[in-house]
mmCIF file of all heavy atoms, coordinates in Angstrom:
data_MODEL
# 
_entry.id   MODEL 
# 
loop_
_atom_site.group_PDB 
_atom_site.id 
_atom_site.type_symbol 
_atom_site.label_atom_id 
_atom_site.label_alt_id 
_atom_site.label_comp_id 
_atom_site.label_asym_id 
_atom_site.label_entity_id 
_atom_site.label_seq_id 
_atom_site.pdbx_PDB_ins_code 
_atom_site.Cartn_x 
_atom_site.Cartn_y 
_atom_site.Cartn_z 
_atom_site.occupancy 
_atom_site.B_iso_or_equiv 
_atom_site.pdbx_formal_charge 
_atom_site.auth_seq_id 
_atom_site.auth_comp_id 
_atom_site.auth_asym_id 
_atom_site.auth_atom_id 
_atom_site.pdbx_PDB_model_num 
ATOM 1   N N   . VAL A 1 1  ? 0.827   -1.206 0.000   1.00 0.00 ? 1  VAL A N   1 
ATOM 2   C CA  . VAL A 1 1  ? 0.000   0.000  0.000   1.00 0.00 ? 1  VAL A CA  1 
ATOM 3   C C   . VAL A 1 1  ? 0.862   1.257  0.000   1.00 0.00 ? 1  VAL A C   1 
ATOM 4   O O   . VAL A 1 1  ? 0.645   2.194  -0.782  1.00 0.00 ? 1  VAL A O   1 
ATOM 5   C CB  . VAL A 1 1  ? -0.952  0.001  1.206   1.00 0.00 ? 1  VAL A CB  1 
ATOM 6   C CG1 . VAL A 1 1  ? -1.630  1.359  1.351   1.00 0.00 ? 1  VAL A CG1 1 
ATOM 7   C CG2 . VAL A 1 1  ? -1.994  -1.103 1.071   1.00 0.00 ? 1  VAL A CG2 1 
ATOM 8   N N   . GLU A 1 2  ? 1.856   1.304  0.875   1.00 0.00 ? 2  GLU A N   1 
ATOM 9   C CA  . GLU A 1 2  ? 2.707   2.488  0.971   1.00 0.00 ? 2  GLU A CA  1 
ATOM 10  C C   . GLU A 1 2  ? 3.560   2.657  -0.274  1.00 0.00 ? 2  GLU A C   1 
ATOM 11  O O   . GLU A 1 2  ? 3.753   3.784  -0.759  1.00 0.00 ? 2  GLU A O   1 
ATOM 12  C CB  . GLU A 1 2  ? 3.590   2.400  2.216   1.00 0.00 ? 2  GLU A CB  1 
ATOM 13  C CG  . GLU A 1 2  ? 4.396   3.667  2.465   1.00 0.00 ? 2  GLU A CG  1 
ATOM 14  C CD  . GLU A 1 2  ? 5.116   3.641  3.803   1.00 0.00 ? 2  GLU A CD  1 
ATOM 15  O OE1 . GLU A 1 2  ? 4.789   2.785  4.638   1.00 0.00 ? 2  GLU A OE1 1 
ATOM 16  O OE2 . GLU A 1 2  ? 5.997   4.496  4.008   1.00 0.00 ? 2  GLU A OE2 1 
ATOM 17  N N   . VAL A 1 3  ? 4.077   1.549  -0.818  1.00 0.00 ? 3  VAL A N   1 
ATOM 18  C CA  . VAL A 1 3  ? 4.892   1.615  -2.030  1.00 0.00 ? 3  VAL A CA  1 
ATOM 19  C C   . VAL A 1 3  ? 4.078   2.185  -3.188  1.00 0.00 ? 3  VAL A C   1 
ATOM 20  O O   . VAL A 1 3  ? 4.528   3.090  -3.911  1.00 0.00 ? 3  VAL A O   1 
ATOM 21  C CB  . VAL A 1 3  ? 5.430   0.215  -2.390  1.00 0.00 ? 3  VAL A CB  1 
ATOM 22  C CG1 . VAL A 1 3  ? 6.035   0.212  -3.803  1.00 0.00 ? 3  VAL A CG1 1 
ATOM 23  C CG2 . VAL A 1 3  ? 6.481   -0.216 -1.377  1.00 0.00 ? 3  VAL A CG2 1 
ATOM 24  N N   . LEU A 1 4  ? 2.872   1.679  -3.368  1.00 0.00 ? 4  LEU A N   1 
ATOM 25  C CA  . LEU A 1 4  ? 2.011   2.170  -4.445  1.00 0.00 ? 4  LEU A CA  1 
ATOM 26  C C   . LEU A 1 4  ? 1.638   3.629  -4.213  1.00 0.00 ? 4  LEU A C   1 
ATOM 27  O O   . LEU A 1 4  ? 1.562   4.423  -5.167  1.00 0.00 ? 4  LEU A O   1 
ATOM 28  C CB  . LEU A 1 4  ? 0.760   1.307  -4.548  1.00 0.00 ? 4  LEU A CB  1 
ATOM 29  C CG  . LEU A 1 4  ? 0.970   -0.116 -5.059  1.00 0.00 ? 4  LEU A CG  1 
ATOM 30  C CD1 . LEU A 1 4  ? -0.278  -0.956 -4.842  1.00 0.00 ? 4  LEU A CD1 1 
ATOM 31  C CD2 . LEU A 1 4  ? 1.339   -0.104 -6.536  1.00 0.00 ? 4  LEU A CD2 1 
ATOM 32  N N   . GLY A 1 5  ? 1.405   3.985  -2.959  1.00 0.00 ? 5  GLY A N   1 
ATOM 33  C CA  . GLY A 1 5  ? 1.076   5.368  -2.645  1.00 0.00 ? 5  GLY A CA  1 
ATOM 34  C C   . GLY A 1 5  ? 2.214   6.320  -2.989  1.00 0.00 ? 5  GLY A C   1 
ATOM 35  O O   . GLY A 1 5  ? 1.977   7.421  -3.520  1.00 0.00 ? 5  GLY A O   1 
ATOM 36  N N   . GLU A 1 6  ? 3.438   5.916  -2.708  1.00 0.00 ? 6  GLU A N   1 
ATOM 37  C CA  . GLU A 1 6  ? 4.592   6.758  -3.021  1.00 0.00 ? 6  GLU A CA  1 
ATOM 38  C C   . GLU A 1 6  ? 4.789   6.876  -4.528  1.00 0.00 ? 6  GLU A C   1 
ATOM 39  O O   . GLU A 1 6  ? 5.133   7.952  -5.034  1.00 0.00 ? 6  GLU A O   1 
ATOM 40  C CB  . GLU A 1 6  ? 5.847   6.186  -2.356  1.00 0.00 ? 6  GLU A CB  1 
ATOM 41  C CG  . GLU A 1 6  ? 5.849   6.315  -0.832  1.00 0.00 ? 6  GLU A CG  1 
ATOM 42  C CD  . GLU A 1 6  ? 7.072   5.693  -0.201  1.00 0.00 ? 6  GLU A CD  1 
ATOM 43  O OE1 . GLU A 1 6  ? 7.925   5.168  -0.948  1.00 0.00 ? 6  GLU A OE1 1 
ATOM 44  O OE2 . GLU A 1 6  ? 7.186   5.725  1.047   1.00 0.00 ? 6  GLU A OE2 1 
ATOM 45  N N   . LEU A 1 7  ? 4.573   5.785  -5.257  1.00 0.00 ? 7  LEU A N   1 
ATOM 46  C CA  . LEU A 1 7  ? 4.689   5.838  -6.711  1.00 0.00 ? 7  LEU A CA  1 
ATOM 47  C C   . LEU A 1 7  ? 3.637   6.767  -7.309  1.00 0.00 ? 7  LEU A C   1 
ATOM 48  O O   . LEU A 1 7  ? 3.906   7.512  -8.258  1.00 0.00 ? 7  LEU A O   1 
ATOM 49  C CB  . LEU A 1 7  ? 4.558   4.430  -7.303  1.00 0.00 ? 7  LEU A CB  1 
ATOM 50  C CG  . LEU A 1 7  ? 5.723   3.481  -7.053  1.00 0.00 ? 7  LEU A CG  1 
ATOM 51  C CD1 . LEU A 1 7  ? 5.383   2.069  -7.538  1.00 0.00 ? 7  LEU A CD1 1 
ATOM 52  C CD2 . LEU A 1 7  ? 6.987   3.987  -7.758  1.00 0.00 ? 7  LEU A CD2 1 
ATOM 53  N N   . GLN A 1 8  ? 2.432   6.751  -6.729  1.00 0.00 ? 8  GLN A N   1 
ATOM 54  C CA  . GLN A 1 8  ? 1.386   7.650  -7.199  1.00 0.00 ? 8  GLN A CA  1 
ATOM 55  C C   . GLN A 1 8  ? 1.730   9.101  -6.860  1.00 0.00 ? 8  GLN A C   1 
ATOM 56  O O   . GLN A 1 8  ? 1.545   10.005 -7.691  1.00 0.00 ? 8  GLN A O   1 
ATOM 57  C CB  . GLN A 1 8  ? 0.050   7.271  -6.572  1.00 0.00 ? 8  GLN A CB  1 
ATOM 58  C CG  . GLN A 1 8  ? -1.120  8.141  -7.046  1.00 0.00 ? 8  GLN A CG  1 
ATOM 59  C CD  . GLN A 1 8  ? -2.416  7.822  -6.323  1.00 0.00 ? 8  GLN A CD  1 
ATOM 60  O OE1 . GLN A 1 8  ? -2.396  7.209  -5.249  1.00 0.00 ? 8  GLN A OE1 1 
ATOM 61  N NE2 . GLN A 1 8  ? -3.534  8.211  -6.906  1.00 0.00 ? 8  GLN A NE2 1 
ATOM 62  N N   . ALA A 1 9  ? 2.234   9.320  -5.663  1.00 0.00 ? 9  ALA A N   1 
ATOM 63  C CA  . ALA A 1 9  ? 2.551   10.683 -5.217  1.00 0.00 ? 9  ALA A CA  1 
ATOM 64  C C   . ALA A 1 9  ? 3.643   11.315 -6.078  1.00 0.00 ? 9  ALA A C   1 
ATOM 65  O O   . ALA A 1 9  ? 3.630   12.533 -6.307  1.00 0.00 ? 9  ALA A O   1 
ATOM 66  C CB  . ALA A 1 9  ? 2.969   10.671 -3.750  1.00 0.00 ? 9  ALA A CB  1 
ATOM 67  N N   . THR A 1 10 ? 4.580   10.515 -6.547  1.00 0.00 ? 10 THR A N   1 
ATOM 68  C CA  . THR A 1 10 ? 5.673   11.040 -7.376  1.00 0.00 ? 10 THR A CA  1 
ATOM 69  C C   . THR A 1 10 ? 5.311   11.108 -8.850  1.00 0.00 ? 10 THR A C   1 
ATOM 70  O O   . THR A 1 10 ? 6.117   11.560 -9.662  1.00 0.00 ? 10 THR A O   1 
ATOM 71  C CB  . THR A 1 10 ? 6.930   10.178 -7.217  1.00 0.00 ? 10 THR A CB  1 
ATOM 72  O OG1 . THR A 1 10 ? 6.640   8.813  -7.584  1.00 0.00 ? 10 THR A OG1 1 
ATOM 73  C CG2 . THR A 1 10 ? 7.432   10.210 -5.774  1.00 0.00 ? 10 THR A CG2 1 
ATOM 74  N N   . GLY A 1 11 ? 4.107   10.641 -9.204  1.00 0.00 ? 11 GLY A N   1 
ATOM 75  C CA  . GLY A 1 11 ? 3.684   10.702 -10.607 1.00 0.00 ? 11 GLY A CA  1 
ATOM 76  C C   . GLY A 1 11 ? 4.163   9.551  -11.457 1.00 0.00 ? 11 GLY A C   1 
ATOM 77  O O   . GLY A 1 11 ? 4.037   9.592  -12.684 1.00 0.00 ? 11 GLY A O   1 
ATOM 78  N N   . ALA A 1 12 ? 4.693   8.494  -10.832 1.00 0.00 ? 12 ALA A N   1 
ATOM 79  C CA  . ALA A 1 12 ? 5.179   7.346  -11.597 1.00 0.00 ? 12 ALA A CA  1 
ATOM 80  C C   . ALA A 1 12 ? 4.023   6.477  -12.092 1.00 0.00 ? 12 ALA A C   1 
ATOM 81  O O   . ALA A 1 12 ? 4.135   5.816  -13.129 1.00 0.00 ? 12 ALA A O   1 
ATOM 82  C CB  . ALA A 1 12 ? 6.138   6.511  -10.758 1.00 0.00 ? 12 ALA A CB  1 
ATOM 83  N N   . ILE A 1 13 ? 2.934   6.456  -11.326 1.00 0.00 ? 13 ILE A N   1 
ATOM 84  C CA  . ILE A 1 13 ? 1.732   5.733  -11.738 1.00 0.00 ? 13 ILE A CA  1 
ATOM 85  C C   . ILE A 1 13 ? 0.529   6.634  -11.531 1.00 0.00 ? 13 ILE A C   1 
ATOM 86  O O   . ILE A 1 13 ? 0.569   7.566  -10.728 1.00 0.00 ? 13 ILE A O   1 
ATOM 87  C CB  . ILE A 1 13 ? 1.534   4.408  -10.957 1.00 0.00 ? 13 ILE A CB  1 
ATOM 88  C CG1 . ILE A 1 13 ? 1.330   4.672  -9.460  1.00 0.00 ? 13 ILE A CG1 1 
ATOM 89  C CG2 . ILE A 1 13 ? 2.705   3.456  -11.188 1.00 0.00 ? 13 ILE A CG2 1 
ATOM 90  C CD1 . ILE A 1 13 ? 0.983   3.428  -8.648  1.00 0.00 ? 13 ILE A CD1 1 
ATOM 91  N N   . GLU A 1 14 ? -0.530  6.347  -12.275 1.00 0.00 ? 14 GLU A N   1 
ATOM 92  C CA  . GLU A 1 14 ? -1.773  7.087  -12.127 1.00 0.00 ? 14 GLU A CA  1 
ATOM 93  C C   . GLU A 1 14 ? -2.930  6.103  -12.067 1.00 0.00 ? 14 GLU A C   1 
ATOM 94  O O   . GLU A 1 14 ? -2.918  5.075  -12.760 1.00 0.00 ? 14 GLU A O   1 
ATOM 95  C CB  . GLU A 1 14 ? -1.983  8.056  -13.292 1.00 0.00 ? 14 GLU A CB  1 
ATOM 96  C CG  . GLU A 1 14 ? -1.006  9.222  -13.311 1.00 0.00 ? 14 GLU A CG  1 
ATOM 97  C CD  . GLU A 1 14 ? -1.271  10.169 -14.471 1.00 0.00 ? 14 GLU A CD  1 
ATOM 98  O OE1 . GLU A 1 14 ? -2.102  9.834  -15.350 1.00 0.00 ? 14 GLU A OE1 1 
ATOM 99  O OE2 . GLU A 1 14 ? -0.628  11.239 -14.510 1.00 0.00 ? 14 GLU A OE2 1 
ATOM 100 N N   . TYR A 1 15 ? -3.928  6.441  -11.246 1.00 0.00 ? 15 TYR A N   1 
ATOM 101 C CA  . TYR A 1 15 ? -5.119  5.616  -11.128 1.00 0.00 ? 15 TYR A CA  1 
ATOM 102 C C   . TYR A 1 15 ? -6.286  6.276  -11.852 1.00 0.00 ? 15 TYR A C   1 
ATOM 103 O O   . TYR A 1 15 ? -6.376  7.506  -11.947 1.00 0.00 ? 15 TYR A O   1 
ATOM 104 C CB  . TYR A 1 15 ? -5.510  5.428  -9.656  1.00 0.00 ? 15 TYR A CB  1 
ATOM 105 C CG  . TYR A 1 15 ? -4.585  4.550  -8.855  1.00 0.00 ? 15 TYR A CG  1 
ATOM 106 C CD1 . TYR A 1 15 ? -3.715  5.091  -7.902  1.00 0.00 ? 15 TYR A CD1 1 
ATOM 107 C CD2 . TYR A 1 15 ? -4.584  3.171  -9.040  1.00 0.00 ? 15 TYR A CD2 1 
ATOM 108 C CE1 . TYR A 1 15 ? -2.878  4.278  -7.157  1.00 0.00 ? 15 TYR A CE1 1 
ATOM 109 C CE2 . TYR A 1 15 ? -3.749  2.353  -8.295  1.00 0.00 ? 15 TYR A CE2 1 
ATOM 110 C CZ  . TYR A 1 15 ? -2.897  2.919  -7.357  1.00 0.00 ? 15 TYR A CZ  1 
ATOM 111 O OH  . TYR A 1 15 ? -2.071  2.105  -6.632  1.00 0.00 ? 15 TYR A OH  1 
ATOM 112 N N   . SER A 1 16 ? -7.184  5.446  -12.355 1.00 0.00 ? 16 SER A N   1 
ATOM 113 C CA  . SER A 1 16 ? -8.453  5.935  -12.912 1.00 0.00 ? 16 SER A CA  1 
ATOM 114 C C   . SER A 1 16 ? -9.517  4.890  -12.627 1.00 0.00 ? 16 SER A C   1 
ATOM 115 O O   . SER A 1 16 ? -9.210  3.713  -12.416 1.00 0.00 ? 16 SER A O   1 
ATOM 116 C CB  . SER A 1 16 ? -8.333  6.185  -14.422 1.00 0.00 ? 16 SER A CB  1 
ATOM 117 O OG  . SER A 1 16 ? -7.958  5.005  -15.115 1.00 0.00 ? 16 SER A OG  1 
ATOM 118 N N   . LEU A 1 17 ? -10.762 5.328  -12.612 1.00 0.00 ? 17 LEU A N   1 
ATOM 119 C CA  . LEU A 1 17 ? -11.883 4.439  -12.329 1.00 0.00 ? 17 LEU A CA  1 
ATOM 120 C C   . LEU A 1 17 ? -12.771 4.378  -13.565 1.00 0.00 ? 17 LEU A C   1 
ATOM 121 O O   . LEU A 1 17 ? -13.302 5.389  -14.015 1.00 0.00 ? 17 LEU A O   1 
ATOM 122 C CB  . LEU A 1 17 ? -12.686 4.954  -11.129 1.00 0.00 ? 17 LEU A CB  1 
ATOM 123 C CG  . LEU A 1 17 ? -13.772 4.020  -10.585 1.00 0.00 ? 17 LEU A CG  1 
ATOM 124 C CD1 . LEU A 1 17 ? -13.149 2.737  -10.037 1.00 0.00 ? 17 LEU A CD1 1 
ATOM 125 C CD2 . LEU A 1 17 ? -14.573 4.723  -9.494  1.00 0.00 ? 17 LEU A CD2 1 
ATOM 126 N N   . VAL A 1 18 ? -12.894 3.183  -14.151 1.00 0.00 ? 18 VAL A N   1 
ATOM 127 C CA  . VAL A 1 18 ? -13.712 2.971  -15.343 1.00 0.00 ? 18 VAL A CA  1 
ATOM 128 C C   . VAL A 1 18 ? -14.679 1.832  -15.065 1.00 0.00 ? 18 VAL A C   1 
ATOM 129 O O   . VAL A 1 18 ? -14.264 0.710  -14.786 1.00 0.00 ? 18 VAL A O   1 
ATOM 130 C CB  . VAL A 1 18 ? -12.840 2.635  -16.570 1.00 0.00 ? 18 VAL A CB  1 
ATOM 131 C CG1 . VAL A 1 18 ? -13.714 2.374  -17.800 1.00 0.00 ? 18 VAL A CG1 1 
ATOM 132 C CG2 . VAL A 1 18 ? -11.855 3.763  -16.853 1.00 0.00 ? 18 VAL A CG2 1 
ATOM 133 N N   . ASN A 1 19 ? -15.974 2.157  -15.124 1.00 0.00 ? 19 ASN A N   1 
ATOM 134 C CA  . ASN A 1 19 ? -17.007 1.150  -14.862 1.00 0.00 ? 19 ASN A CA  1 
ATOM 135 C C   . ASN A 1 19 ? -16.760 0.422  -13.543 1.00 0.00 ? 19 ASN A C   1 
ATOM 136 O O   . ASN A 1 19 ? -16.845 -0.798 -13.457 1.00 0.00 ? 19 ASN A O   1 
ATOM 137 C CB  . ASN A 1 19 ? -17.080 0.135  -16.012 1.00 0.00 ? 19 ASN A CB  1 
ATOM 138 C CG  . ASN A 1 19 ? -17.550 0.769  -17.304 1.00 0.00 ? 19 ASN A CG  1 
ATOM 139 O OD1 . ASN A 1 19 ? -18.274 1.771  -17.296 1.00 0.00 ? 19 ASN A OD1 1 
ATOM 140 N ND2 . ASN A 1 19 ? -17.127 0.209  -18.425 1.00 0.00 ? 19 ASN A ND2 1 
ATOM 141 N N   . ARG A 1 20 ? -16.416 1.206  -12.525 1.00 0.00 ? 20 ARG A N   1 
ATOM 142 C CA  . ARG A 1 20 ? -16.180 0.698  -11.166 1.00 0.00 ? 20 ARG A CA  1 
ATOM 143 C C   . ARG A 1 20 ? -14.947 -0.194 -11.050 1.00 0.00 ? 20 ARG A C   1 
ATOM 144 O O   . ARG A 1 20 ? -14.768 -0.887 -10.049 1.00 0.00 ? 20 ARG A O   1 
ATOM 145 C CB  . ARG A 1 20 ? -17.404 -0.055 -10.638 1.00 0.00 ? 20 ARG A CB  1 
ATOM 146 C CG  . ARG A 1 20 ? -18.671 0.797  -10.560 1.00 0.00 ? 20 ARG A CG  1 
ATOM 147 C CD  . ARG A 1 20 ? -19.829 0.013  -9.967  1.00 0.00 ? 20 ARG A CD  1 
ATOM 148 N NE  . ARG A 1 20 ? -21.042 0.832  -9.896  1.00 0.00 ? 20 ARG A NE  1 
ATOM 149 C CZ  . ARG A 1 20 ? -22.198 0.406  -9.427  1.00 0.00 ? 20 ARG A CZ  1 
ATOM 150 N NH1 . ARG A 1 20 ? -22.299 -0.846 -8.976  1.00 0.00 ? 20 ARG A NH1 1 
ATOM 151 N NH2 . ARG A 1 20 ? -23.249 1.194  -9.408  1.00 0.00 ? 20 ARG A NH2 1 
ATOM 152 N N   . VAL A 1 21 ? -14.112 -0.184 -12.066 1.00 0.00 ? 21 VAL A N   1 
ATOM 153 C CA  . VAL A 1 21 ? -12.865 -0.956 -12.035 1.00 0.00 ? 21 VAL A CA  1 
ATOM 154 C C   . VAL A 1 21 ? -11.700 0.019  -11.925 1.00 0.00 ? 21 VAL A C   1 
ATOM 155 O O   . VAL A 1 21 ? -11.606 0.969  -12.714 1.00 0.00 ? 21 VAL A O   1 
ATOM 156 C CB  . VAL A 1 21 ? -12.706 -1.817 -13.299 1.00 0.00 ? 21 VAL A CB  1 
ATOM 157 C CG1 . VAL A 1 21 ? -11.354 -2.542 -13.297 1.00 0.00 ? 21 VAL A CG1 1 
ATOM 158 C CG2 . VAL A 1 21 ? -13.848 -2.819 -13.400 1.00 0.00 ? 21 VAL A CG2 1 
ATOM 159 N N   . THR A 1 22 ? -10.830 -0.184 -10.951 1.00 0.00 ? 22 THR A N   1 
ATOM 160 C CA  . THR A 1 22 ? -9.664  0.676  -10.774 1.00 0.00 ? 22 THR A CA  1 
ATOM 161 C C   . THR A 1 22 ? -8.558  0.234  -11.720 1.00 0.00 ? 22 THR A C   1 
ATOM 162 O O   . THR A 1 22 ? -8.139  -0.922 -11.713 1.00 0.00 ? 22 THR A O   1 
ATOM 163 C CB  . THR A 1 22 ? -9.152  0.623  -9.333  1.00 0.00 ? 22 THR A CB  1 
ATOM 164 O OG1 . THR A 1 22 ? -10.195 1.047  -8.448  1.00 0.00 ? 22 THR A OG1 1 
ATOM 165 C CG2 . THR A 1 22 ? -7.946  1.539  -9.149  1.00 0.00 ? 22 THR A CG2 1 
ATOM 166 N N   . LEU A 1 23 ? -8.110  1.174  -12.558 1.00 0.00 ? 23 LEU A N   1 
ATOM 167 C CA  . LEU A 1 23 ? -7.052  0.906  -13.515 1.00 0.00 ? 23 LEU A CA  1 
ATOM 168 C C   . LEU A 1 23 ? -5.794  1.651  -13.092 1.00 0.00 ? 23 LEU A C   1 
ATOM 169 O O   . LEU A 1 23 ? -5.855  2.740  -12.523 1.00 0.00 ? 23 LEU A O   1 
ATOM 170 C CB  . LEU A 1 23 ? -7.465  1.344  -14.920 1.00 0.00 ? 23 LEU A CB  1 
ATOM 171 C CG  . LEU A 1 23 ? -8.742  0.715  -15.485 1.00 0.00 ? 23 LEU A CG  1 
ATOM 172 C CD1 . LEU A 1 23 ? -9.049  1.284  -16.865 1.00 0.00 ? 23 LEU A CD1 1 
ATOM 173 C CD2 . LEU A 1 23 ? -8.612  -0.804 -15.560 1.00 0.00 ? 23 LEU A CD2 1 
ATOM 174 N N   . VAL A 1 24 ? -4.637  1.060  -13.386 1.00 0.00 ? 24 VAL A N   1 
ATOM 175 C CA  . VAL A 1 24 ? -3.348  1.661  -13.068 1.00 0.00 ? 24 VAL A CA  1 
ATOM 176 C C   . VAL A 1 24 ? -2.598  1.893  -14.375 1.00 0.00 ? 24 VAL A C   1 
ATOM 177 O O   . VAL A 1 24 ? -2.550  1.029  -15.241 1.00 0.00 ? 24 VAL A O   1 
ATOM 178 C CB  . VAL A 1 24 ? -2.500  0.757  -12.150 1.00 0.00 ? 24 VAL A CB  1 
ATOM 179 C CG1 . VAL A 1 24 ? -1.294  1.520  -11.615 1.00 0.00 ? 24 VAL A CG1 1 
ATOM 180 C CG2 . VAL A 1 24 ? -3.326  0.196  -11.016 1.00 0.00 ? 24 VAL A CG2 1 
ATOM 181 N N   . GLU A 1 25 ? -1.998  3.073  -14.495 1.00 0.00 ? 25 GLU A N   1 
ATOM 182 C CA  . GLU A 1 25 ? -1.255  3.420  -15.705 1.00 0.00 ? 25 GLU A CA  1 
ATOM 183 C C   . GLU A 1 25 ? 0.183   3.773  -15.356 1.00 0.00 ? 25 GLU A C   1 
ATOM 184 O O   . GLU A 1 25 ? 0.439   4.505  -14.399 1.00 0.00 ? 25 GLU A O   1 
ATOM 185 C CB  . GLU A 1 25 ? -1.916  4.595  -16.420 1.00 0.00 ? 25 GLU A CB  1 
ATOM 186 C CG  . GLU A 1 25 ? -1.206  5.023  -17.690 1.00 0.00 ? 25 GLU A CG  1 
ATOM 187 C CD  . GLU A 1 25 ? -1.901  6.179  -18.375 1.00 0.00 ? 25 GLU A CD  1 
ATOM 188 O OE1 . GLU A 1 25 ? -2.812  6.776  -17.772 1.00 0.00 ? 25 GLU A OE1 1 
ATOM 189 O OE2 . GLU A 1 25 ? -1.534  6.495  -19.516 1.00 0.00 ? 25 GLU A OE2 1 
ATOM 190 N N   . LEU A 1 26 ? 1.117   3.242  -16.117 1.00 0.00 ? 26 LEU A N   1 
ATOM 191 C CA  . LEU A 1 26 ? 2.521   3.613  -15.973 1.00 0.00 ? 26 LEU A CA  1 
ATOM 192 C C   . LEU A 1 26 ? 2.755   4.884  -16.780 1.00 0.00 ? 26 LEU A C   1 
ATOM 193 O O   . LEU A 1 26 ? 2.566   4.896  -17.994 1.00 0.00 ? 26 LEU A O   1 
ATOM 194 C CB  . LEU A 1 26 ? 3.412   2.480  -16.479 1.00 0.00 ? 26 LEU A CB  1 
ATOM 195 C CG  . LEU A 1 26 ? 4.923   2.733  -16.447 1.00 0.00 ? 26 LEU A CG  1 
ATOM 196 C CD1 . LEU A 1 26 ? 5.403   2.886  -15.005 1.00 0.00 ? 26 LEU A CD1 1 
ATOM 197 C CD2 . LEU A 1 26 ? 5.672   1.592  -17.137 1.00 0.00 ? 26 LEU A CD2 1 
ATOM 198 N N   . THR A 1 27 ? 3.154   5.953  -16.126 1.00 0.00 ? 27 THR A N   1 
ATOM 199 C CA  . THR A 1 27 ? 3.339   7.230  -16.791 1.00 0.00 ? 27 THR A CA  1 
ATOM 200 C C   . THR A 1 27 ? 4.740   7.328  -17.410 1.00 0.00 ? 27 THR A C   1 
ATOM 201 O O   . THR A 1 27 ? 5.596   6.464  -17.203 1.00 0.00 ? 27 THR A O   1 
ATOM 202 C CB  . THR A 1 27 ? 3.153   8.382  -15.802 1.00 0.00 ? 27 THR A CB  1 
ATOM 203 O OG1 . THR A 1 27 ? 4.215   8.312  -14.817 1.00 0.00 ? 27 THR A OG1 1 
ATOM 204 C CG2 . THR A 1 27 ? 1.809   8.283  -15.093 1.00 0.00 ? 27 THR A CG2 1 
# 
């Protein structure tokens, strides 16, 4: 959880919600 949170905070990954499914994108 913390690792993913840090990656999101630094802009390395981005989350989006499509049809109630959480998607992860490598930026």
